[in-house]
Amino acid sequence: MESGQVNMDVDLFDQAIEYFEKYDPDYKFNRKIAQLEEAEQWIDRCVQDFIHLSYFKKLDEMKIYLDQENNKHSFAYFHYKIVHLSAEAFRTVEN
């Protein structure tokens, strides 16, 4: 497959998944496309926030936004916490 000489069909794909599920009991393949797309979006957002760690001014602006009562549980709160915790982790490593 890696050399392009064999194409993966559904049966071969199922065999590969079965192998990994036997090899690692914690591995469970998710065939629900909508959930996979949602997971990819979360990963992309986390990576983007991680990349933007140097934009601490934005964190202050976001904190002001999140301090408003009606924004306390917004999706932006998750972003703020991810960036904040990541920044704290880097500060801890530097010290």
C-alpha atoms as a PDB file:
ATOM      1  CA  MET A   1       0.000   0.000   0.000  1.00  0.00           C
ATOM      2  CA  GLU A   2       2.758   2.443   0.892  1.00  0.00           C
ATOM      3  CA  SER A   3       4.463   1.855  -2.446  1.00  0.00           C
ATOM      4  CA  GLY A   4       1.185   2.299  -4.313  1.00  0.00           C
ATOM      5  CA  GLN A   5       1.097  -1.276  -5.585  1.00  0.00           C
ATOM      6  CA  VAL A   6      -1.951  -2.273  -3.540  1.00  0.00           C
ATOM      7  CA  ASN A   7      -5.072  -0.209  -2.968  1.00  0.00           C
ATOM      8  CA  MET A   8      -6.940  -0.434   0.301  1.00  0.00           C
ATOM      9  CA  ASP A   9     -10.469  -1.683  -0.109  1.00  0.00           C
ATOM     10  CA  VAL A  10     -13.132  -1.896   2.597  1.00  0.00           C
ATOM     11  CA  ASP A  11     -12.179  -5.442   3.583  1.00  0.00           C
ATOM     12  CA  LEU A  12      -8.492  -4.606   3.972  1.00  0.00           C
ATOM     13  CA  PHE A  13      -9.400  -1.460   5.891  1.00  0.00           C
ATOM     14  CA  ASP A  14     -11.584  -3.505   8.261  1.00  0.00           C
ATOM     15  CA  GLN A  15      -8.724  -5.977   8.750  1.00  0.00           C
ATOM     16  CA  ALA A  16      -6.362  -3.149   9.641  1.00  0.00           C
ATOM     17  CA  ILE A  17      -8.829  -1.704  12.153  1.00  0.00           C
ATOM     18  CA  GLU A  18      -9.391  -5.158  13.643  1.00  0.00           C
ATOM     19  CA  TYR A  19      -5.612  -5.606  14.003  1.00  0.00           C
ATOM     20  CA  PHE A  20      -5.174  -2.297  15.841  1.00  0.00           C
ATOM     21  CA  GLU A  21      -8.153  -2.988  18.102  1.00  0.00           C
ATOM     22  CA  LYS A  22      -6.619  -6.372  19.070  1.00  0.00           C
ATOM     23  CA  TYR A  23      -3.123  -4.905  19.436  1.00  0.00           C
ATOM     24  CA  ASP A  24      -4.298  -2.024  21.647  1.00  0.00           C
ATOM     25  CA  PRO A  25      -7.502  -2.732  23.621  1.00  0.00           C
ATOM     26  CA  ASP A  26      -7.915   1.018  24.268  1.00  0.00           C
ATOM     27  CA  TYR A  27      -8.032   1.741  20.535  1.00  0.00           C
ATOM     28  CA  LYS A  28     -11.575   2.076  19.232  1.00  0.00           C
ATOM     29  CA  PHE A  29     -12.083   3.191  15.654  1.00  0.00           C
ATOM     30  CA  ASN A  30     -14.877   5.712  15.205  1.00  0.00           C
ATOM     31  CA  ARG A  31     -16.757   5.343  11.928  1.00  0.00           C
ATOM     32  CA  LYS A  32     -19.099   8.269  12.560  1.00  0.00           C
ATOM     33  CA  ILE A  33     -17.979  10.871  10.035  1.00  0.00           C
ATOM     34  CA  ALA A  34     -19.727  13.768  11.815  1.00  0.00           C
ATOM     35  CA  GLN A  35     -17.843  13.030  15.036  1.00  0.00           C
ATOM     36  CA  LEU A  36     -14.557  12.761  13.180  1.00  0.00           C
ATOM     37  CA  GLU A  37     -15.174  16.120  11.501  1.00  0.00           C
ATOM     38  CA  GLU A  38     -16.012  17.704  14.857  1.00  0.00           C
ATOM     39  CA  ALA A  39     -12.851  16.253  16.412  1.00  0.00           C
ATOM     40  CA  GLU A  40     -10.783  17.622  13.516  1.00  0.00           C
ATOM     41  CA  GLN A  41     -12.299  21.072  14.083  1.00  0.00           C
ATOM     42  CA  TRP A  42     -11.396  20.928  17.786  1.00  0.00           C
ATOM     43  CA  ILE A  43      -7.852  19.872  16.947  1.00  0.00           C
ATOM     44  CA  ASP A  44      -7.493  22.654  14.375  1.00  0.00           C
ATOM     45  CA  ARG A  45      -8.755  25.234  16.858  1.00  0.00           C
ATOM     46  CA  CYS A  46      -6.417  24.033  19.595  1.00  0.00           C
ATOM     47  CA  VAL A  47      -3.452  24.108  17.233  1.00  0.00           C
ATOM     48  CA  GLN A  48      -4.345  27.606  16.066  1.00  0.00           C
ATOM     49  CA  ASP A  49      -4.585  28.810  19.656  1.00  0.00           C
ATOM     50  CA  PHE A  50      -1.295  27.144  20.489  1.00  0.00           C
ATOM     51  CA  ILE A  51       0.368  28.894  17.553  1.00  0.00           C
ATOM     52  CA  HIS A  52      -0.998  32.243  18.689  1.00  0.00           C
ATOM     53  CA  LEU A  53       0.461  32.013  22.187  1.00  0.00           C
ATOM     54  CA  SER A  54       2.691  34.969  21.417  1.00  0.00           C
ATOM     55  CA  TYR A  55      -0.322  37.226  21.059  1.00  0.00           C
ATOM     56  CA  PHE A  56      -0.787  37.909  24.754  1.00  0.00           C
ATOM     57  CA  LYS A  57      -2.556  41.205  24.023  1.00  0.00           C
ATOM     58  CA  LYS A  58      -5.361  39.169  22.478  1.00  0.00           C
ATOM     59  CA  LEU A  59      -5.629  37.143  25.672  1.00  0.00           C
ATOM     60  CA  ASP A  60      -6.250  40.331  27.623  1.00  0.00           C
ATOM     61  CA  GLU A  61      -8.923  41.401  25.133  1.00  0.00           C
ATOM     62  CA  MET A  62     -10.540  37.988  25.303  1.00  0.00           C
ATOM     63  CA  LYS A  63     -10.492  38.061  29.103  1.00  0.00           C
ATOM     64  CA  ILE A  64     -12.358  41.377  29.070  1.00  0.00           C
ATOM     65  CA  TYR A  65     -14.934  39.822  26.752  1.00  0.00           C
ATOM     66  CA  LEU A  66     -15.267  36.714  28.896  1.00  0.00           C
ATOM     67  CA  ASP A  67     -15.614  38.692  32.097  1.00  0.00           C
ATOM     68  CA  GLN A  68     -18.999  39.886  30.856  1.00  0.00           C
ATOM     69  CA  GLU A  69     -21.642  37.768  32.585  1.00  0.00           C
ATOM     70  CA  ASN A  70     -23.424  36.651  29.408  1.00  0.00           C
ATOM     71  CA  ASN A  71     -20.130  35.383  27.923  1.00  0.00           C
ATOM     72  CA  LYS A  72     -18.959  33.301  30.899  1.00  0.00           C
ATOM     73  CA  HIS A  73     -19.782  29.951  29.308  1.00  0.00           C
ATOM     74  CA  SER A  74     -19.177  30.811  25.686  1.00  0.00           C
ATOM     75  CA  PHE A  75     -17.080  28.780  23.304  1.00  0.00           C
ATOM     76  CA  ALA A  76     -14.464  31.516  23.507  1.00  0.00           C
ATOM     77  CA  TYR A  77     -13.967  30.578  27.148  1.00  0.00           C
ATOM     78  CA  PHE A  78     -12.561  27.224  26.043  1.00  0.00           C
ATOM     79  CA  HIS A  79     -10.118  28.972  23.731  1.00  0.00           C
ATOM     80  CA  TYR A  80      -9.008  31.341  26.446  1.00  0.00           C
ATOM     81  CA  LYS A  81      -8.423  28.517  28.921  1.00  0.00           C
ATOM     82  CA  ILE A  82      -6.457  26.418  26.414  1.00  0.00           C
ATOM     83  CA  VAL A  83      -4.179  29.329  25.536  1.00  0.00           C
ATOM     84  CA  HIS A  84      -3.856  30.425  29.154  1.00  0.00           C
ATOM     85  CA  LEU A  85      -2.997  26.944  30.423  1.00  0.00           C
ATOM     86  CA  SER A  86      -0.552  26.388  27.572  1.00  0.00           C
ATOM     87  CA  ALA A  87       1.163  29.686  28.311  1.00  0.00           C
ATOM     88  CA  GLU A  88       1.377  28.754  31.989  1.00  0.00           C
ATOM     89  CA  ALA A  89       2.919  25.413  31.055  1.00  0.00           C
ATOM     90  CA  PHE A  90       5.593  27.192  29.011  1.00  0.00           C
ATOM     91  CA  ARG A  91       6.316  29.609  31.841  1.00  0.00           C
ATOM     92  CA  THR A  92       6.715  26.672  34.208  1.00  0.00           C
ATOM     93  CA  VAL A  93       9.125  24.934  31.832  1.00  0.00           C
ATOM     94  CA  GLU A  94      11.166  28.116  31.376  1.00  0.00           C
ATOM     95  CA  ASN A  95      11.555  28.552  35.154  1.00  0.00           C
END
